Amino acid sequence: MGATTYTARNDRKRDFARRSQLEICMDMLSAVKDGSERPTQIMYRANLSWLALQTHFKTLVESGNRKRYEITEKGRSVLMAYHKIKDEIERALNGAFPAAGPDSRVSQRSLLVSG
């Protein structure tokens, strides 16, 4: 009986507490952009464990064991595009999506149009 409760609690925790790989990488880029240079600073700002930080560094960093990091122009561009898309989706979901022309079938709250 205890094992079932434990498993169910872990499943619920996993559903609520997870971030996507994309969100984690963007949090790391944001941390560096905002002035965190050292791995420990980035880890705390991005709310990661040391192991998770090392795993994601492999995705984001071209080459190995540095003591300090700085964001590249490409990283800055990716971060700006991510925030722009995220803001647009949030506006759309909150009903602030710009209305199309007056004779359009698209209402202000619609993201899809039925044919």
PDB file of N, CA and C in Angstrom:
ATOM      1  N   MET A   1       0.824  -1.194   0.000  1.00  0.00           N
ATOM      2  CA  MET A   1       0.000   0.000   0.000  1.00  0.00           C
ATOM      3  C   MET A   1       0.865   1.254   0.000  1.00  0.00           C
ATOM      4  N   GLY A   2       1.922   1.268   0.826  1.00  0.00           N
ATOM      5  CA  GLY A   2       2.810   2.417   0.879  1.00  0.00           C
ATOM      6  C   GLY A   2       3.517   2.671  -0.444  1.00  0.00           C
ATOM      7  N   ALA A   3       3.870   1.601  -1.151  1.00  0.00           N
ATOM      8  CA  ALA A   3       4.575   1.755  -2.428  1.00  0.00           C
ATOM      9  C   ALA A   3       3.687   2.423  -3.465  1.00  0.00           C
ATOM     10  N   THR A   4       2.408   2.090  -3.472  1.00  0.00           N
ATOM     11  CA  THR A   4       1.480   2.701  -4.417  1.00  0.00           C
ATOM     12  C   THR A   4       1.357   4.193  -4.161  1.00  0.00           C
ATOM     13  N   THR A   5       1.232   4.570  -2.905  1.00  0.00           N
ATOM     14  CA  THR A   5       1.129   5.984  -2.555  1.00  0.00           C
ATOM     15  C   THR A   5       2.391   6.727  -2.969  1.00  0.00           C
ATOM     16  N   TYR A   6       3.545   6.121  -2.703  1.00  0.00           N
ATOM     17  CA  TYR A   6       4.817   6.739  -3.043  1.00  0.00           C
ATOM     18  C   TYR A   6       4.924   6.974  -4.549  1.00  0.00           C
ATOM     19  N   THR A   7       4.562   5.983  -5.345  1.00  0.00           N
ATOM     20  CA  THR A   7       4.614   6.097  -6.799  1.00  0.00           C
ATOM     21  C   THR A   7       3.651   7.176  -7.294  1.00  0.00           C
ATOM     22  N   ALA A   8       2.448   7.188  -6.779  1.00  0.00           N
ATOM     23  CA  ALA A   8       1.468   8.191  -7.202  1.00  0.00           C
ATOM     24  C   ALA A   8       1.953   9.599  -6.872  1.00  0.00           C
ATOM     25  N   ARG A   9       2.552   9.760  -5.709  1.00  0.00           N
ATOM     26  CA  ARG A   9       3.053  11.071  -5.319  1.00  0.00           C
ATOM     27  C   ARG A   9       4.180  11.499  -6.252  1.00  0.00           C
ATOM     28  N   ASN A  10       5.069  10.581  -6.613  1.00  0.00           N
ATOM     29  CA  ASN A  10       6.141  10.914  -7.541  1.00  0.00           C
ATOM     30  C   ASN A  10       5.600  11.292  -8.910  1.00  0.00           C
ATOM     31  N   ASP A  11       4.567  10.598  -9.383  1.00  0.00           N
ATOM     32  CA  ASP A  11       3.959  10.927 -10.674  1.00  0.00           C
ATOM     33  C   ASP A  11       3.373  12.335 -10.650  1.00  0.00           C
ATOM     34  N   ARG A  12       2.676  12.672  -9.576  1.00  0.00           N
ATOM     35  CA  ARG A  12       2.098  14.014  -9.459  1.00  0.00           C
ATOM     36  C   ARG A  12       3.195  15.062  -9.426  1.00  0.00           C
ATOM     37  N   LYS A  13       4.240  14.809  -8.659  1.00  0.00           N
ATOM     38  CA  LYS A  13       5.349  15.746  -8.555  1.00  0.00           C
ATOM     39  C   LYS A  13       5.985  15.962  -9.920  1.00  0.00           C
ATOM     40  N   ARG A  14       6.178  14.899 -10.676  1.00  0.00           N
ATOM     41  CA  ARG A  14       6.777  14.989 -11.997  1.00  0.00           C
ATOM     42  C   ARG A  14       5.911  15.820 -12.937  1.00  0.00           C
ATOM     43  N   ASP A  15       4.593  15.703 -12.831  1.00  0.00           N
ATOM     44  CA  ASP A  15       3.696  16.452 -13.700  1.00  0.00           C
ATOM     45  C   ASP A  15       3.771  17.956 -13.465  1.00  0.00           C
ATOM     46  N   PHE A  16       4.022  18.373 -12.229  1.00  0.00           N
ATOM     47  CA  PHE A  16       3.981  19.790 -11.898  1.00  0.00           C
ATOM     48  C   PHE A  16       5.345  20.471 -11.876  1.00  0.00           C
ATOM     49  N   ALA A  17       6.395  19.733 -11.629  1.00  0.00           N
ATOM     50  CA  ALA A  17       7.679  20.358 -11.343  1.00  0.00           C
ATOM     51  C   ALA A  17       8.643  20.393 -12.523  1.00  0.00           C
ATOM     52  N   ARG A  18       8.322  19.844 -13.642  1.00  0.00           N
ATOM     53  CA  ARG A  18       9.280  19.718 -14.740  1.00  0.00           C
ATOM     54  C   ARG A  18       9.293  20.925 -15.659  1.00  0.00           C
ATOM     55  N   ARG A  19      10.468  21.221 -16.164  1.00  0.00           N
ATOM     56  CA  ARG A  19      10.635  22.204 -17.237  1.00  0.00           C
ATOM     57  C   ARG A  19      11.134  21.446 -18.456  1.00  0.00           C
ATOM     58  N   SER A  20      10.818  21.966 -19.602  1.00  0.00           N
ATOM     59  CA  SER A  20      11.310  21.328 -20.825  1.00  0.00           C
ATOM     60  C   SER A  20      12.807  21.604 -20.971  1.00  0.00           C
ATOM     61  N   GLN A  21      13.457  20.833 -21.831  1.00  0.00           N
ATOM     62  CA  GLN A  21      14.877  21.044 -22.119  1.00  0.00           C
ATOM     63  C   GLN A  21      15.089  22.456 -22.655  1.00  0.00           C
ATOM     64  N   LEU A  22      14.157  22.900 -23.481  1.00  0.00           N
ATOM     65  CA  LEU A  22      14.234  24.246 -24.050  1.00  0.00           C
ATOM     66  C   LEU A  22      14.187  25.299 -22.948  1.00  0.00           C
ATOM     67  N   GLU A  23      13.253  25.168 -22.018  1.00  0.00           N
ATOM     68  CA  GLU A  23      13.136  26.139 -20.929  1.00  0.00           C
ATOM     69  C   GLU A  23      14.400  26.170 -20.070  1.00  0.00           C
ATOM     70  N   ILE A  24      14.972  25.015 -19.803  1.00  0.00           N
ATOM     71  CA  ILE A  24      16.197  24.952 -19.008  1.00  0.00           C
ATOM     72  C   ILE A  24      17.343  25.651 -19.735  1.00  0.00           C
ATOM     73  N   CYS A  25      17.495  25.369 -21.017  1.00  0.00           N
ATOM     74  CA  CYS A  25      18.565  26.010 -21.794  1.00  0.00           C
ATOM     75  C   CYS A  25      18.368  27.524 -21.855  1.00  0.00           C
ATOM     76  N   MET A  26      17.127  27.966 -22.014  1.00  0.00           N
ATOM     77  CA  MET A  26      16.858  29.399 -22.056  1.00  0.00           C
ATOM     78  C   MET A  26      17.114  30.047 -20.698  1.00  0.00           C
ATOM     79  N   ASP A  27      16.811  29.342 -19.608  1.00  0.00           N
ATOM     80  CA  ASP A  27      17.117  29.852 -18.273  1.00  0.00           C
ATOM     81  C   ASP A  27      18.624  29.990 -18.082  1.00  0.00           C
ATOM     82  N   MET A  28      19.381  29.046 -18.604  1.00  0.00           N
ATOM     83  CA  MET A  28      20.844  29.121 -18.508  1.00  0.00           C
ATOM     84  C   MET A  28      21.378  30.301 -19.331  1.00  0.00           C
ATOM     85  N   LEU A  29      20.874  30.474 -20.547  1.00  0.00           N
ATOM     86  CA  LEU A  29      21.301  31.608 -21.370  1.00  0.00           C
ATOM     87  C   LEU A  29      20.935  32.932 -20.699  1.00  0.00           C
ATOM     88  N   SER A  30      19.746  32.994 -20.110  1.00  0.00           N
ATOM     89  CA  SER A  30      19.317  34.212 -19.410  1.00  0.00           C
ATOM     90  C   SER A  30      20.238  34.512 -18.235  1.00  0.00           C
ATOM     91  N   ALA A  31      20.613  33.486 -17.502  1.00  0.00           N
ATOM     92  CA  ALA A  31      21.502  33.669 -16.356  1.00  0.00           C
ATOM     93  C   ALA A  31      22.839  34.265 -16.800  1.00  0.00           C
ATOM     94  N   VAL A  32      23.387  33.742 -17.889  1.00  0.00           N
ATOM     95  CA  VAL A  32      24.668  34.250 -18.392  1.00  0.00           C
ATOM     96  C   VAL A  32      24.491  35.669 -18.918  1.00  0.00           C
ATOM     97  N   LYS A  33      23.425  35.916 -19.637  1.00  0.00           N
ATOM     98  CA  LYS A  33      23.152  37.248 -20.174  1.00  0.00           C
ATOM     99  C   LYS A  33      23.021  38.268 -19.047  1.00  0.00           C
ATOM    100  N   ASP A  34      22.422  37.846 -17.930  1.00  0.00           N
ATOM    101  CA  ASP A  34      22.195  38.748 -16.799  1.00  0.00           C
ATOM    102  C   ASP A  34      23.415  38.896 -15.896  1.00  0.00           C
ATOM    103  N   GLY A  35      24.547  38.312 -16.277  1.00  0.00           N
ATOM    104  CA  GLY A  35      25.773  38.569 -15.547  1.00  0.00           C
ATOM    105  C   GLY A  35      26.397  37.400 -14.818  1.00  0.00           C
ATOM    106  N   SER A  36      25.736  36.257 -14.777  1.00  0.00           N
ATOM    107  CA  SER A  36      26.348  35.092 -14.140  1.00  0.00           C
ATOM    108  C   SER A  36      27.414  34.545 -15.079  1.00  0.00           C
ATOM    109  N   GLU A  37      28.638  34.454 -14.595  1.00  0.00           N
ATOM    110  CA  GLU A  37      29.742  33.991 -15.438  1.00  0.00           C
ATOM    111  C   GLU A  37      30.238  32.611 -15.054  1.00  0.00           C
ATOM    112  N   ARG A  38      30.190  32.311 -13.786  1.00  0.00           N
ATOM    113  CA  ARG A  38      30.755  31.057 -13.284  1.00  0.00           C
ATOM    114  C   ARG A  38      29.693  29.973 -13.221  1.00  0.00           C
ATOM    115  N   PRO A  39      30.131  28.725 -13.375  1.00  0.00           N
ATOM    116  CA  PRO A  39      29.175  27.618 -13.384  1.00  0.00           C
ATOM    117  C   PRO A  39      28.246  27.573 -12.169  1.00  0.00           C
ATOM    118  N   THR A  40      28.784  27.821 -10.983  1.00  0.00           N
ATOM    119  CA  THR A  40      27.945  27.771  -9.786  1.00  0.00           C
ATOM    120  C   THR A  40      26.881  28.865  -9.808  1.00  0.00           C
ATOM    121  N   GLN A  41      27.248  30.055 -10.265  1.00  0.00           N
ATOM    122  CA  GLN A  41      26.285  31.148 -10.372  1.00  0.00           C
ATOM    123  C   GLN A  41      25.175  30.800 -11.359  1.00  0.00           C
ATOM    124  N   ILE A  42      25.561  30.228 -12.485  1.00  0.00           N
ATOM    125  CA  ILE A  42      24.582  29.828 -13.507  1.00  0.00           C
ATOM    126  C   ILE A  42      23.666  28.752 -12.950  1.00  0.00           C
ATOM    127  N   MET A  43      24.235  27.799 -12.236  1.00  0.00           N
ATOM    128  CA  MET A  43      23.460  26.709 -11.642  1.00  0.00           C
ATOM    129  C   MET A  43      22.381  27.261 -10.713  1.00  0.00           C
ATOM    130  N   TYR A  44      22.754  28.191  -9.830  1.00  0.00           N
ATOM    131  CA  TYR A  44      21.777  28.750  -8.895  1.00  0.00           C
ATOM    132  C   TYR A  44      20.732  29.610  -9.598  1.00  0.00           C
ATOM    133  N   ARG A  45      21.166  30.452 -10.529  1.00  0.00           N
ATOM    134  CA  ARG A  45      20.224  31.324 -11.239  1.00  0.00           C
ATOM    135  C   ARG A  45      19.227  30.539 -12.089  1.00  0.00           C
ATOM    136  N   ALA A  46      19.695  29.442 -12.693  1.00  0.00           N
ATOM    137  CA  ALA A  46      18.825  28.630 -13.551  1.00  0.00           C
ATOM    138  C   ALA A  46      18.103  27.543 -12.760  1.00  0.00           C
ATOM    139  N   ASN A  47      18.353  27.483 -11.462  1.00  0.00           N
ATOM    140  CA  ASN A  47      17.691  26.520 -10.577  1.00  0.00           C
ATOM    141  C   ASN A  47      17.925  25.076 -11.033  1.00  0.00           C
ATOM    142  N   LEU A  48      19.204  24.714 -11.116  1.00  0.00           N
ATOM    143  CA  LEU A  48      19.590  23.384 -11.579  1.00  0.00           C
ATOM    144  C   LEU A  48      20.496  22.695 -10.575  1.00  0.00           C
ATOM    145  N   SER A  49      20.541  21.386 -10.647  1.00  0.00           N
ATOM    146  CA  SER A  49      21.542  20.626  -9.899  1.00  0.00           C
ATOM    147  C   SER A  49      22.853  20.700 -10.681  1.00  0.00           C
ATOM    148  N   TRP A  50      23.946  20.334 -10.018  1.00  0.00           N
ATOM    149  CA  TRP A  50      25.252  20.345 -10.686  1.00  0.00           C
ATOM    150  C   TRP A  50      25.274  19.384 -11.870  1.00  0.00           C
ATOM    151  N   LEU A  51      24.690  18.208 -11.694  1.00  0.00           N
ATOM    152  CA  LEU A  51      24.656  17.209 -12.760  1.00  0.00           C
ATOM    153  C   LEU A  51      23.849  17.712 -13.962  1.00  0.00           C
ATOM    154  N   ALA A  52      22.694  18.313 -13.690  1.00  0.00           N
ATOM    155  CA  ALA A  52      21.868  18.856 -14.780  1.00  0.00           C
ATOM    156  C   ALA A  52      22.600  19.986 -15.502  1.00  0.00           C
ATOM    157  N   LEU A  53      23.293  20.821 -14.753  1.00  0.00           N
ATOM    158  CA  LEU A  53      24.053  21.907 -15.357  1.00  0.00           C
ATOM    159  C   LEU A  53      25.115  21.364 -16.310  1.00  0.00           C
ATOM    160  N   GLN A  54      25.860  20.367 -15.855  1.00  0.00           N
ATOM    161  CA  GLN A  54      26.910  19.780 -16.686  1.00  0.00           C
ATOM    162  C   GLN A  54      26.336  19.152 -17.949  1.00  0.00           C
ATOM    163  N   THR A  55      25.192  18.500 -17.820  1.00  0.00           N
ATOM    164  CA  THR A  55      24.539  17.877 -18.965  1.00  0.00           C
ATOM    165  C   THR A  55      24.131  18.929 -19.993  1.00  0.00           C
ATOM    166  N   HIS A  56      23.556  20.036 -19.527  1.00  0.00           N
ATOM    167  CA  HIS A  56      23.093  21.071 -20.452  1.00  0.00           C
ATOM    168  C   HIS A  56      24.235  21.906 -21.015  1.00  0.00           C
ATOM    169  N   PHE A  57      25.336  22.019 -20.290  1.00  0.00           N
ATOM    170  CA  PHE A  57      26.504  22.700 -20.849  1.00  0.00           C
ATOM    171  C   PHE A  57      26.966  22.004 -22.120  1.00  0.00           C
ATOM    172  N   LYS A  58      26.858  20.681 -22.162  1.00  0.00           N
ATOM    173  CA  LYS A  58      27.259  19.939 -23.354  1.00  0.00           C
ATOM    174  C   LYS A  58      26.455  20.370 -24.578  1.00  0.00           C
ATOM    175  N   THR A  59      25.207  20.756 -24.361  1.00  0.00           N
ATOM    176  CA  THR A  59      24.345  21.216 -25.443  1.00  0.00           C
ATOM    177  C   THR A  59      24.693  22.638 -25.869  1.00  0.00           C
ATOM    178  N   LEU A  60      25.013  23.483 -24.908  1.00  0.00           N
ATOM    179  CA  LEU A  60      25.153  24.916 -25.179  1.00  0.00           C
ATOM    180  C   LEU A  60      26.571  25.390 -25.482  1.00  0.00           C
ATOM    181  N   VAL A  61      27.570  24.687 -24.985  1.00  0.00           N
ATOM    182  CA  VAL A  61      28.946  25.174 -25.066  1.00  0.00           C
ATOM    183  C   VAL A  61      29.715  24.391 -26.122  1.00  0.00           C
ATOM    184  N   GLU A  62      30.441  25.117 -26.942  1.00  0.00           N
ATOM    185  CA  GLU A  62      31.208  24.506 -28.014  1.00  0.00           C
ATOM    186  C   GLU A  62      32.343  23.630 -27.494  1.00  0.00           C
ATOM    187  N   SER A  63      33.102  24.142 -26.558  1.00  0.00           N
ATOM    188  CA  SER A  63      34.218  23.348 -26.044  1.00  0.00           C
ATOM    189  C   SER A  63      34.340  23.506 -24.539  1.00  0.00           C
ATOM    190  N   GLY A  64      34.904  22.549 -23.937  1.00  0.00           N
ATOM    191  CA  GLY A  64      35.033  22.150 -22.574  1.00  0.00           C
ATOM    192  C   GLY A  64      35.283  23.038 -21.399  1.00  0.00           C
ATOM    193  N   ASN A  65      36.077  22.639 -20.499  1.00  0.00           N
ATOM    194  CA  ASN A  65      36.166  23.039 -19.103  1.00  0.00           C
ATOM    195  C   ASN A  65      36.613  24.482 -18.895  1.00  0.00           C
ATOM    196  N   ARG A  66      35.687  25.374 -18.917  1.00  0.00           N
ATOM    197  CA  ARG A  66      35.992  26.775 -18.678  1.00  0.00           C
ATOM    198  C   ARG A  66      35.609  27.151 -17.262  1.00  0.00           C
ATOM    199  N   LYS A  67      36.198  28.229 -16.793  1.00  0.00           N
ATOM    200  CA  LYS A  67      35.863  28.750 -15.468  1.00  0.00           C
ATOM    201  C   LYS A  67      34.812  29.851 -15.559  1.00  0.00           C
ATOM    202  N   ARG A  68      34.736  30.527 -16.706  1.00  0.00           N
ATOM    203  CA  ARG A  68      33.775  31.619 -16.904  1.00  0.00           C
ATOM    204  C   ARG A  68      33.117  31.480 -18.274  1.00  0.00           C
ATOM    205  N   TYR A  69      31.884  31.947 -18.333  1.00  0.00           N
ATOM    206  CA  TYR A  69      31.119  31.854 -19.578  1.00  0.00           C
ATOM    207  C   TYR A  69      30.536  33.211 -19.922  1.00  0.00           C
ATOM    208  N   GLU A  70      30.361  33.462 -21.206  1.00  0.00           N
ATOM    209  CA  GLU A  70      29.652  34.650 -21.651  1.00  0.00           C
ATOM    210  C   GLU A  70      28.785  34.256 -22.843  1.00  0.00           C
ATOM    211  N   ILE A  71      27.703  34.984 -23.005  1.00  0.00           N
ATOM    212  CA  ILE A  71      26.749  34.650 -24.064  1.00  0.00           C
ATOM    213  C   ILE A  71      27.289  35.152 -25.407  1.00  0.00           C
ATOM    214  N   THR A  72      27.106  34.349 -26.436  1.00  0.00           N
ATOM    215  CA  THR A  72      27.535  34.740 -27.783  1.00  0.00           C
ATOM    216  C   THR A  72      26.415  35.518 -28.456  1.00  0.00           C
ATOM    217  N   GLU A  73      26.726  36.085 -29.597  1.00  0.00           N
ATOM    218  CA  GLU A  73      25.698  36.803 -30.362  1.00  0.00           C
ATOM    219  C   GLU A  73      24.585  35.843 -30.782  1.00  0.00           C
ATOM    220  N   LYS A  74      24.969  34.633 -31.163  1.00  0.00           N
ATOM    221  CA  LYS A  74      23.973  33.620 -31.536  1.00  0.00           C
ATOM    222  C   LYS A  74      23.087  33.277 -30.331  1.00  0.00           C
ATOM    223  N   GLY A  75      23.687  33.129 -29.159  1.00  0.00           N
ATOM    224  CA  GLY A  75      22.921  32.850 -27.944  1.00  0.00           C
ATOM    225  C   GLY A  75      21.953  33.975 -27.620  1.00  0.00           C
ATOM    226  N   ARG A  76      22.409  35.206 -27.770  1.00  0.00           N
ATOM    227  CA  ARG A  76      21.559  36.380 -27.529  1.00  0.00           C
ATOM    228  C   ARG A  76      20.378  36.397 -28.506  1.00  0.00           C
ATOM    229  N   SER A  77      20.658  36.078 -29.764  1.00  0.00           N
ATOM    230  CA  SER A  77      19.624  36.048 -30.798  1.00  0.00           C
ATOM    231  C   SER A  77      18.581  34.959 -30.516  1.00  0.00           C
ATOM    232  N   VAL A  78      19.042  33.774 -30.131  1.00  0.00           N
ATOM    233  CA  VAL A  78      18.135  32.670 -29.802  1.00  0.00           C
ATOM    234  C   VAL A  78      17.257  33.041 -28.610  1.00  0.00           C
ATOM    235  N   LEU A  79      17.853  33.648 -27.609  1.00  0.00           N
ATOM    236  CA  LEU A  79      17.115  34.040 -26.409  1.00  0.00           C
ATOM    237  C   LEU A  79      16.052  35.089 -26.733  1.00  0.00           C
ATOM    238  N   MET A  80      16.396  36.061 -27.570  1.00  0.00           N
ATOM    239  CA  MET A  80      15.419  37.080 -27.970  1.00  0.00           C
ATOM    240  C   MET A  80      14.270  36.452 -28.751  1.00  0.00           C
ATOM    241  N   ALA A  81      14.577  35.559 -29.681  1.00  0.00           N
ATOM    242  CA  ALA A  81      13.534  34.893 -30.470  1.00  0.00           C
ATOM    243  C   ALA A  81      12.625  34.057 -29.574  1.00  0.00           C
ATOM    244  N   TYR A  82      13.213  33.356 -28.619  1.00  0.00           N
ATOM    245  CA  TYR A  82      12.440  32.539 -27.676  1.00  0.00           C
ATOM    246  C   TYR A  82      11.457  33.407 -26.894  1.00  0.00           C
ATOM    247  N   HIS A  83      11.944  34.525 -26.356  1.00  0.00           N
ATOM    248  CA  HIS A  83      11.062  35.398 -25.566  1.00  0.00           C
ATOM    249  C   HIS A  83       9.976  36.027 -26.437  1.00  0.00           C
ATOM    250  N   LYS A  84      10.303  36.364 -27.654  1.00  0.00           N
ATOM    251  CA  LYS A  84       9.320  36.941 -28.571  1.00  0.00           C
ATOM    252  C   LYS A  84       8.195  35.935 -28.858  1.00  0.00           C
ATOM    253  N   ILE A  85       8.567  34.707 -29.162  1.00  0.00           N
ATOM    254  CA  ILE A  85       7.570  33.659 -29.442  1.00  0.00           C
ATOM    255  C   ILE A  85       6.753  33.344 -28.200  1.00  0.00           C
ATOM    256  N   LYS A  86       7.414  33.236 -27.062  1.00  0.00           N
ATOM    257  CA  LYS A  86       6.725  32.943 -25.798  1.00  0.00           C
ATOM    258  C   LYS A  86       5.710  34.039 -25.469  1.00  0.00           C
ATOM    259  N   ASP A  87       6.115  35.305 -25.636  1.00  0.00           N
ATOM    260  CA  ASP A  87       5.197  36.425 -25.377  1.00  0.00           C
ATOM    261  C   ASP A  87       4.002  36.399 -26.323  1.00  0.00           C
ATOM    262  N   GLU A  88       4.250  36.086 -27.582  1.00  0.00           N
ATOM    263  CA  GLU A  88       3.169  36.030 -28.574  1.00  0.00           C
ATOM    264  C   GLU A  88       2.168  34.928 -28.220  1.00  0.00           C
ATOM    265  N   ILE A  89       2.653  33.783 -27.811  1.00  0.00           N
ATOM    266  CA  ILE A  89       1.772  32.679 -27.420  1.00  0.00           C
ATOM    267  C   ILE A  89       0.968  33.058 -26.181  1.00  0.00           C
ATOM    268  N   GLU A  90       1.621  33.676 -25.202  1.00  0.00           N
ATOM    269  CA  GLU A  90       0.904  34.087 -23.990  1.00  0.00           C
ATOM    270  C   GLU A  90      -0.182  35.106 -24.303  1.00  0.00           C
ATOM    271  N   ARG A  91       0.115  36.071 -25.179  1.00  0.00           N
ATOM    272  CA  ARG A  91      -0.910  37.051 -25.578  1.00  0.00           C
ATOM    273  C   ARG A  91      -2.073  36.359 -26.279  1.00  0.00           C
ATOM    274  N   ALA A  92      -1.756  35.406 -27.145  1.00  0.00           N
ATOM    275  CA  ALA A  92      -2.801  34.690 -27.875  1.00  0.00           C
ATOM    276  C   ALA A  92      -3.692  33.913 -26.917  1.00  0.00           C
ATOM    277  N   LEU A  93      -3.079  33.266 -25.959  1.00  0.00           N
ATOM    278  CA  LEU A  93      -3.853  32.465 -25.011  1.00  0.00           C
ATOM    279  C   LEU A  93      -4.636  33.332 -24.029  1.00  0.00           C
ATOM    280  N   ASN A  94      -4.212  34.563 -23.832  1.00  0.00           N
ATOM    281  CA  ASN A  94      -4.929  35.476 -22.946  1.00  0.00           C
ATOM    282  C   ASN A  94      -5.945  36.328 -23.687  1.00  0.00           C
ATOM    283  N   GLY A  95      -6.178  36.044 -24.936  1.00  0.00           N
ATOM    284  CA  GLY A  95      -7.196  36.767 -25.697  1.00  0.00           C
ATOM    285  C   GLY A  95      -6.718  38.091 -26.252  1.00  0.00           C
ATOM    286  N   ALA A  96      -5.437  38.355 -26.241  1.00  0.00           N
ATOM    287  CA  ALA A  96      -4.927  39.621 -26.738  1.00  0.00           C
ATOM    288  C   ALA A  96      -4.345  39.481 -28.138  1.00  0.00           C
ATOM    289  N   PHE A  97      -4.662  38.391 -28.808  1.00  0.00           N
ATOM    290  CA  PHE A  97      -4.182  38.172 -30.164  1.00  0.00           C
ATOM    291  C   PHE A  97      -4.777  39.240 -31.071  1.00  0.00           C
ATOM    292  N   PRO A  98      -3.991  39.926 -31.886  1.00  0.00           N
ATOM    293  CA  PRO A  98      -4.542  41.005 -32.716  1.00  0.00           C
ATOM    294  C   PRO A  98      -5.649  40.503 -33.643  1.00  0.00           C
ATOM    295  N   ALA A  99      -6.724  41.249 -33.695  1.00  0.00           N
ATOM    296  CA  ALA A  99      -7.862  40.879 -34.537  1.00  0.00           C
ATOM    297  C   ALA A  99      -7.493  41.051 -36.008  1.00  0.00           C
ATOM    298  N   ALA A 100      -8.024  40.172 -36.821  1.00  0.00           N
ATOM    299  CA  ALA A 100      -7.822  40.291 -38.262  1.00  0.00           C
ATOM    300  C   ALA A 100      -8.813  41.329 -38.795  1.00  0.00           C
ATOM    301  N   GLY A 101      -8.875  41.477 -40.099  1.00  0.00           N
ATOM    302  CA  GLY A 101      -9.765  42.460 -40.709  1.00  0.00           C
ATOM    303  C   GLY A 101     -11.222  42.255 -40.326  1.00  0.00           C
ATOM    304  N   PRO A 102     -12.094  43.253 -40.585  1.00  0.00           N
ATOM    305  CA  PRO A 102     -13.494  43.205 -40.159  1.00  0.00           C
ATOM    306  C   PRO A 102     -14.300  42.075 -40.797  1.00  0.00           C
ATOM    307  N   ASP A 103     -13.945  41.639 -42.001  1.00  0.00           N
ATOM    308  CA  ASP A 103     -14.705  40.577 -42.652  1.00  0.00           C
ATOM    309  C   ASP A 103     -14.056  39.203 -42.470  1.00  0.00           C
ATOM    310  N   SER A 104     -13.110  39.104 -41.577  1.00  0.00           N
ATOM    311  CA  SER A 104     -12.409  37.849 -41.340  1.00  0.00           C
ATOM    312  C   SER A 104     -13.207  36.932 -40.432  1.00  0.00           C
ATOM    313  N   ARG A 105     -12.988  35.612 -40.598  1.00  0.00           N
ATOM    314  CA  ARG A 105     -13.636  34.629 -39.731  1.00  0.00           C
ATOM    315  C   ARG A 105     -12.881  34.439 -38.433  1.00  0.00           C
ATOM    316  N   VAL A 106     -11.779  35.154 -38.251  1.00  0.00           N
ATOM    317  CA  VAL A 106     -10.943  34.991 -37.071  1.00  0.00           C
ATOM    318  C   VAL A 106     -11.381  35.974 -35.997  1.00  0.00           C
ATOM    319  N   SER A 107     -11.817  35.450 -34.867  1.00  0.00           N
ATOM    320  CA  SER A 107     -12.164  36.332 -33.755  1.00  0.00           C
ATOM    321  C   SER A 107     -10.896  36.688 -33.005  1.00  0.00           C
ATOM    322  N   GLN A 108     -11.019  37.592 -32.063  1.00  0.00           N
ATOM    323  CA  GLN A 108      -9.853  38.030 -31.315  1.00  0.00           C
ATOM    324  C   GLN A 108      -9.275  36.907 -30.461  1.00  0.00           C
ATOM    325  N   ARG A 109     -10.093  35.948 -30.044  1.00  0.00           N
ATOM    326  CA  ARG A 109      -9.625  34.870 -29.183  1.00  0.00           C
ATOM    327  C   ARG A 109      -9.223  33.623 -29.958  1.00  0.00           C
ATOM    328  N   SER A 110      -9.430  33.582 -31.262  1.00  0.00           N
ATOM    329  CA  SER A 110      -9.179  32.370 -32.033  1.00  0.00           C
ATOM    330  C   SER A 110      -7.724  32.201 -32.415  1.00  0.00           C
ATOM    331  N   LEU A 111      -7.275  30.983 -32.326  1.00  0.00           N
ATOM    332  CA  LEU A 111      -5.960  30.622 -32.839  1.00  0.00           C
ATOM    333  C   LEU A 111      -6.094  29.714 -34.046  1.00  0.00           C
ATOM    334  N   LEU A 112      -7.267  29.105 -34.220  1.00  0.00           N
ATOM    335  CA  LEU A 112      -7.553  28.240 -35.349  1.00  0.00           C
ATOM    336  C   LEU A 112      -8.846  28.698 -36.013  1.00  0.00           C
ATOM    337  N   VAL A 113      -8.977  28.423 -37.294  1.00  0.00           N
ATOM    338  CA  VAL A 113     -10.194  28.717 -38.040  1.00  0.00           C
ATOM    339  C   VAL A 113     -10.728  27.425 -38.605  1.00  0.00           C
ATOM    340  N   SER A 114     -12.022  27.194 -38.445  1.00  0.00           N
ATOM    341  CA  SER A 114     -12.599  25.987 -39.029  1.00  0.00           C
ATOM    342  C   SER A 114     -12.931  26.263 -40.478  1.00  0.00           C
ATOM    343  N   GLY A 115     -12.729  25.264 -41.325  1.00  0.00           N
ATOM    344  CA  GLY A 115     -12.891  25.406 -42.762  1.00  0.00           C
ATOM    345  C   GLY A 115     -14.273  25.271 -43.160  1.00  0.00           C
TER     346      GLY A 115
END
